[in-house]
Each structure stands twice: as C-alpha cells, then as structure tokens.
Amino acid sequence: MLDTTTSDTAAPPEERRGCLFALSQPPLMIFLAVIGCLLLMASLHDLLLL
C-alpha cells in the first residue's frame, strides 16, 4: 500500500503559475469577451453598413 501521508520536511516547492492560469480567471475572460464582442461589432458595422 502506498504511503500518502505528507511530512513537514518534504514540503513541495511553490508552483509557478503562468499565462494559462491567468487566462482561466473569470473576470479576465469576461473582459476579453466584451472587448472581442465590441471589436466584432465594429468590424461588422464597417463591412456591412459603411
């Protein structure tokens, strides 16, 4: 049977979080979605109505 207990002497090093962790945050994704929708609406307006 495997020993799954953790000891104080073998503490894991802190994880480095990169760009994918930052992109997975909901407020950032909402912000990027709003900016993307605004850009899409502006480009469609330029292409279809002007």
N, C-alpha and C. Protein backbone atom coordinates (compact mmCIF):
# COMPACT_ATOMS: atom_id res chain seq x y z
N MET A 1 0.83 -1.17 0.00
CA MET A 1 0.00 0.00 0.00
C MET A 1 0.88 1.24 0.00
N LEU A 2 0.48 2.26 -0.74
CA LEU A 2 1.28 3.47 -0.83
C LEU A 2 1.08 4.35 0.39
N ASP A 3 2.16 4.99 0.80
CA ASP A 3 2.10 5.93 1.91
C ASP A 3 1.74 7.30 1.36
N THR A 4 0.55 7.78 1.64
CA THR A 4 0.10 9.07 1.10
C THR A 4 0.15 10.19 2.13
N THR A 5 0.78 9.95 3.25
CA THR A 5 0.87 11.00 4.26
C THR A 5 1.96 11.98 3.87
N THR A 6 1.78 13.23 4.25
CA THR A 6 2.77 14.25 3.93
C THR A 6 3.59 14.56 5.17
N SER A 7 4.84 14.78 4.94
CA SER A 7 5.72 15.13 6.06
C SER A 7 6.12 16.59 5.96
N ASP A 8 6.47 17.18 7.09
CA ASP A 8 6.85 18.59 7.12
C ASP A 8 8.21 18.83 6.48
N THR A 9 9.06 17.84 6.45
CA THR A 9 10.40 18.04 5.91
C THR A 9 10.41 18.05 4.39
N ALA A 10 9.45 17.38 3.77
CA ALA A 10 9.41 17.28 2.31
C ALA A 10 8.29 18.14 1.75
N ALA A 11 8.31 19.41 2.07
CA ALA A 11 7.28 20.31 1.57
C ALA A 11 7.52 20.56 0.09
N PRO A 12 6.46 20.51 -0.73
CA PRO A 12 6.64 20.74 -2.17
C PRO A 12 6.98 22.21 -2.43
N PRO A 13 7.78 22.47 -3.43
CA PRO A 13 8.10 23.87 -3.77
C PRO A 13 6.86 24.59 -4.29
N GLU A 14 6.85 25.89 -4.18
CA GLU A 14 5.71 26.66 -4.65
C GLU A 14 5.56 26.51 -6.16
N GLU A 15 4.31 26.35 -6.60
CA GLU A 15 4.05 26.20 -8.03
C GLU A 15 4.11 27.55 -8.71
N ARG A 16 4.74 27.57 -9.87
CA ARG A 16 4.75 28.79 -10.68
C ARG A 16 3.55 28.76 -11.59
N ARG A 17 2.77 29.82 -11.54
CA ARG A 17 1.58 29.88 -12.38
C ARG A 17 1.87 30.79 -13.55
N GLY A 18 1.51 30.33 -14.73
CA GLY A 18 1.85 31.07 -15.93
C GLY A 18 0.64 31.71 -16.57
N CYS A 19 0.75 31.89 -17.86
CA CYS A 19 -0.25 32.63 -18.63
C CYS A 19 -1.58 31.87 -18.68
N LEU A 20 -1.56 30.55 -18.76
CA LEU A 20 -2.81 29.80 -18.84
C LEU A 20 -3.61 29.92 -17.56
N PHE A 21 -2.91 30.02 -16.41
CA PHE A 21 -3.64 30.23 -15.16
C PHE A 21 -4.29 31.60 -15.15
N ALA A 22 -3.60 32.61 -15.65
CA ALA A 22 -4.17 33.96 -15.68
C ALA A 22 -5.37 34.03 -16.62
N LEU A 23 -5.31 33.31 -17.74
CA LEU A 23 -6.42 33.34 -18.69
C LEU A 23 -7.63 32.57 -18.19
N SER A 24 -7.43 31.71 -17.20
CA SER A 24 -8.56 30.92 -16.72
C SER A 24 -9.37 31.66 -15.66
N GLN A 25 -8.98 32.87 -15.31
CA GLN A 25 -9.73 33.62 -14.31
C GLN A 25 -10.99 34.20 -14.93
N PRO A 26 -12.14 34.03 -14.28
CA PRO A 26 -13.41 34.51 -14.87
C PRO A 26 -13.46 36.00 -15.16
N PRO A 27 -13.00 36.91 -14.28
CA PRO A 27 -13.10 38.33 -14.63
C PRO A 27 -12.31 38.70 -15.88
N LEU A 28 -11.15 38.09 -16.06
CA LEU A 28 -10.35 38.37 -17.25
C LEU A 28 -11.04 37.83 -18.49
N MET A 29 -11.63 36.65 -18.39
CA MET A 29 -12.32 36.08 -19.54
C MET A 29 -13.55 36.91 -19.92
N ILE A 30 -14.27 37.44 -18.93
CA ILE A 30 -15.42 38.30 -19.22
C ILE A 30 -14.95 39.57 -19.91
N PHE A 31 -13.86 40.16 -19.41
CA PHE A 31 -13.31 41.38 -20.01
C PHE A 31 -12.89 41.12 -21.45
N LEU A 32 -12.18 40.03 -21.70
CA LEU A 32 -11.73 39.72 -23.05
C LEU A 32 -12.92 39.42 -23.97
N ALA A 33 -13.96 38.79 -23.44
CA ALA A 33 -15.14 38.51 -24.25
C ALA A 33 -15.85 39.81 -24.64
N VAL A 34 -15.95 40.75 -23.71
CA VAL A 34 -16.59 42.04 -24.01
C VAL A 34 -15.79 42.79 -25.07
N ILE A 35 -14.47 42.84 -24.91
CA ILE A 35 -13.62 43.53 -25.88
C ILE A 35 -13.73 42.85 -27.25
N GLY A 36 -13.74 41.52 -27.27
CA GLY A 36 -13.87 40.79 -28.52
C GLY A 36 -15.20 41.06 -29.20
N CYS A 37 -16.29 41.12 -28.41
CA CYS A 37 -17.60 41.42 -28.99
C CYS A 37 -17.64 42.84 -29.55
N LEU A 38 -17.05 43.79 -28.84
CA LEU A 38 -17.01 45.16 -29.36
C LEU A 38 -16.23 45.26 -30.66
N LEU A 39 -15.10 44.57 -30.74
CA LEU A 39 -14.31 44.56 -31.97
C LEU A 39 -15.08 43.89 -33.11
N LEU A 40 -15.78 42.80 -32.80
CA LEU A 40 -16.56 42.10 -33.81
C LEU A 40 -17.70 42.98 -34.32
N MET A 41 -18.39 43.65 -33.41
CA MET A 41 -19.49 44.53 -33.83
C MET A 41 -18.97 45.70 -34.65
N ALA A 42 -17.83 46.26 -34.28
CA ALA A 42 -17.27 47.38 -35.05
C ALA A 42 -16.84 46.92 -36.43
N SER A 43 -16.23 45.74 -36.52
CA SER A 43 -15.79 45.26 -37.84
C SER A 43 -16.98 44.92 -38.73
N LEU A 44 -18.03 44.32 -38.16
CA LEU A 44 -19.22 44.03 -38.96
C LEU A 44 -19.92 45.31 -39.39
N HIS A 45 -19.91 46.31 -38.54
CA HIS A 45 -20.51 47.59 -38.91
C HIS A 45 -19.75 48.21 -40.10
N ASP A 46 -18.42 48.16 -40.03
CA ASP A 46 -17.62 48.71 -41.12
C ASP A 46 -17.82 47.94 -42.42
N LEU A 47 -17.90 46.62 -42.32
CA LEU A 47 -18.01 45.81 -43.52
C LEU A 47 -19.40 45.87 -44.16
N LEU A 48 -20.45 45.89 -43.35
CA LEU A 48 -21.79 45.73 -43.89
C LEU A 48 -22.56 47.04 -44.04
N LEU A 49 -22.27 48.03 -43.19
CA LEU A 49 -23.10 49.23 -43.22
C LEU A 49 -22.41 50.43 -43.81
N LEU A 50 -21.11 50.44 -43.91
CA LEU A 50 -20.42 51.61 -44.48
C LEU A 50 -20.06 51.38 -45.94
